[in-house]
Amino acid sequence: MTQNNLTPGGPPSWLRWFINDASRGFVDHESLAPIGCHFYFDDALDVWEVSLFVSNTELVGGPADGRRIPTGTQVDINLVKAAFDSEPTSYWQAEAIAEDDDLGNHLSFEGIARGHQVWLRILAKPPVWAGPGRVMHTTHGVIEDLW
């Protein structure tokens, strides 16, 4: 799991446990590219915002050098919901709702996790800023996780 936030020292331990539990909802976890995570505490709303996504794989070498390949993401919604203390409110956003919508289409879960208010989003595609989480060396067929 990677992280991108402004919290020095990373997430609090309870949030790390929650993120790991929610990540178990990704189907075929063993063959996926690395799972990325962005989290942020919104003081004004007293809620932890968490976004999870499966990274892209970048091809290295050959005629498709530099091309990024998305990983098909499947989610067991019941496993994700089980990471919460009680049944969260769930939504599906099928399209980006504005030009500046960085999240695009995603699943959204809002509820209490380990005693804290959490808004979890599972993105269909990784955000542009995330970069590839894995590379595949096409000339050797070697796959390397970057994060």
Protein backbone atom coordinates (compact mmCIF):
# COMPACT_ATOMS: atom_id res chain seq x y z
CA MET A 1 0.00 0.00 0.00
CA THR A 2 1.28 3.42 -0.86
CA GLN A 3 0.11 6.59 0.76
CA ASN A 4 -0.03 10.24 -0.15
CA ASN A 5 -1.10 12.68 2.49
CA LEU A 6 0.00 15.48 4.75
CA THR A 7 -0.05 13.50 8.00
CA PRO A 8 3.52 13.25 9.36
CA GLY A 9 4.47 9.65 10.14
CA GLY A 10 1.66 8.12 8.10
CA PRO A 11 -1.83 7.12 9.15
CA PRO A 12 -2.81 6.37 12.74
CA SER A 13 -2.66 2.66 13.52
CA TRP A 14 -6.45 2.23 13.61
CA LEU A 15 -6.67 3.72 10.08
CA ARG A 16 -3.89 1.45 8.80
CA TRP A 17 -5.85 -1.58 10.09
CA PHE A 18 -9.06 -0.29 8.49
CA ILE A 19 -7.31 0.30 5.14
CA ASN A 20 -5.84 -3.21 5.19
CA ASP A 21 -9.24 -4.72 6.04
CA ALA A 22 -11.02 -2.72 3.30
CA SER A 23 -8.29 -3.66 0.78
CA ARG A 24 -9.18 -7.31 1.23
CA GLY A 25 -12.28 -6.49 -0.81
CA PHE A 26 -10.21 -6.35 -4.00
CA VAL A 27 -10.84 -9.63 -5.83
CA ASP A 28 -7.81 -11.67 -6.96
CA HIS A 29 -5.63 -9.68 -4.57
CA GLU A 30 -2.55 -11.85 -5.19
CA SER A 31 -2.24 -11.00 -8.90
CA LEU A 32 -3.17 -7.31 -8.75
CA ALA A 33 -0.73 -4.51 -9.29
CA PRO A 34 0.03 -2.69 -6.01
CA ILE A 35 -2.88 -1.04 -4.24
CA GLY A 36 -2.51 2.66 -3.64
CA CYS A 37 -4.05 4.73 -0.88
CA HIS A 38 -4.60 8.41 -0.30
CA PHE A 39 -6.01 9.61 3.02
CA TYR A 40 -6.84 12.95 4.53
CA PHE A 41 -8.49 14.13 7.73
CA ASP A 42 -11.08 16.84 7.13
CA ASP A 43 -11.14 18.88 10.35
CA ALA A 44 -14.22 20.85 9.34
CA LEU A 45 -16.34 17.71 8.84
CA ASP A 46 -14.51 15.51 11.38
CA VAL A 47 -14.15 12.72 8.82
CA TRP A 48 -11.27 10.66 7.46
CA GLU A 49 -11.36 10.59 3.66
CA VAL A 50 -9.69 7.50 2.19
CA SER A 51 -9.27 6.59 -1.48
CA LEU A 52 -8.07 3.15 -2.57
CA PHE A 53 -7.09 2.18 -6.11
CA VAL A 54 -5.19 -0.47 -8.03
CA SER A 55 -2.16 1.00 -9.78
CA ASN A 56 -1.37 0.82 -13.49
CA THR A 57 1.40 -1.32 -14.97
CA GLU A 58 3.85 0.45 -17.27
CA LEU A 59 5.46 -1.46 -20.13
CA VAL A 60 9.21 -1.04 -20.42
CA GLY A 61 10.95 -1.88 -23.69
CA GLY A 62 9.56 -2.97 -27.04
CA PRO A 63 7.18 -1.09 -29.33
CA ALA A 64 4.74 -0.24 -26.50
CA ASP A 65 7.44 1.22 -24.22
CA GLY A 66 5.92 3.68 -21.75
CA ARG A 67 2.33 2.52 -22.26
CA ARG A 68 0.35 2.16 -19.05
CA ILE A 69 -2.02 -0.76 -18.72
CA PRO A 70 -4.88 -0.57 -16.22
CA THR A 71 -5.64 -3.53 -14.01
CA GLY A 72 -9.22 -4.69 -14.21
CA THR A 73 -10.59 -3.95 -10.76
CA GLN A 74 -13.20 -6.16 -9.13
CA VAL A 75 -14.46 -5.54 -5.61
CA ASP A 76 -16.29 -7.80 -3.18
CA ILE A 77 -18.54 -5.12 -1.70
CA ASN A 78 -19.51 -7.26 1.29
CA LEU A 79 -15.86 -7.62 2.35
CA VAL A 80 -15.36 -3.86 2.12
CA LYS A 81 -18.52 -3.19 4.15
CA ALA A 82 -17.33 -5.69 6.79
CA ALA A 83 -14.36 -3.38 7.52
CA PHE A 84 -16.81 -0.89 9.07
CA ASP A 85 -18.24 -1.12 12.61
CA SER A 86 -21.78 -1.28 11.19
CA GLU A 87 -23.42 -1.18 7.75
CA PRO A 88 -22.05 1.89 5.90
CA THR A 89 -24.02 3.99 3.45
CA SER A 90 -22.92 2.94 -0.04
CA TYR A 91 -22.96 4.76 -3.39
CA TRP A 92 -21.75 4.22 -6.95
CA GLN A 93 -20.59 7.24 -8.97
CA ALA A 94 -20.61 6.12 -12.61
CA GLU A 95 -18.97 9.19 -14.17
CA ALA A 96 -16.81 12.13 -13.22
CA ILE A 97 -19.26 14.83 -12.12
CA ALA A 98 -17.09 17.81 -13.10
CA GLU A 99 -13.91 18.53 -15.04
CA ASP A 100 -11.93 18.84 -11.80
CA ASP A 101 -13.30 15.56 -10.36
CA ASP A 102 -10.03 13.67 -9.73
CA LEU A 103 -11.83 10.55 -8.50
CA GLY A 104 -13.99 9.78 -11.53
CA ASN A 105 -16.15 6.71 -11.23
CA HIS A 106 -15.89 4.99 -7.88
CA LEU A 107 -17.63 3.13 -5.09
CA SER A 108 -18.23 5.20 -1.98
CA PHE A 109 -18.81 4.00 1.58
CA GLU A 110 -19.61 6.30 4.51
CA GLY A 111 -19.76 5.11 8.09
CA ILE A 112 -17.97 4.44 11.36
CA ALA A 113 -14.78 2.39 11.29
CA ARG A 114 -12.93 1.58 14.50
CA GLY A 115 -14.88 4.37 16.21
CA HIS A 116 -14.08 7.08 13.63
CA GLN A 117 -16.14 8.64 10.85
CA VAL A 118 -14.72 7.45 7.49
CA TRP A 119 -15.58 8.20 3.88
CA LEU A 120 -13.98 5.46 1.77
CA ARG A 121 -13.82 5.63 -2.01
CA ILE A 122 -12.62 2.76 -4.19
CA LEU A 123 -11.61 4.21 -7.53
CA ALA A 124 -12.15 2.46 -10.86
CA LYS A 125 -8.86 3.94 -12.14
CA PRO A 126 -5.81 5.28 -10.32
CA PRO A 127 -5.44 9.06 -10.10
CA VAL A 128 -3.08 10.63 -12.62
CA TRP A 129 -0.64 11.73 -9.88
CA ALA A 130 -0.15 8.14 -8.66
CA GLY A 131 2.14 6.97 -11.47
CA PRO A 132 2.63 3.28 -12.22
CA GLY A 133 2.85 0.89 -9.28
CA ARG A 134 4.33 -1.88 -11.38
CA VAL A 135 6.48 -2.23 -14.49
CA MET A 136 6.66 -5.11 -16.92
CA HIS A 137 9.97 -5.52 -18.76
CA THR A 138 8.64 -6.74 -22.10
CA THR A 139 11.93 -8.08 -23.41
CA HIS A 140 12.38 -10.38 -20.40
CA GLY A 141 8.76 -10.82 -19.26
CA VAL A 142 9.80 -9.76 -15.76
CA ILE A 143 7.25 -7.92 -13.60
CA GLU A 144 8.52 -5.57 -10.90
CA ASP A 145 6.45 -3.81 -8.23
CA LEU A 146 7.61 -0.22 -7.69
CA TRP A 147 5.60 0.49 -4.54
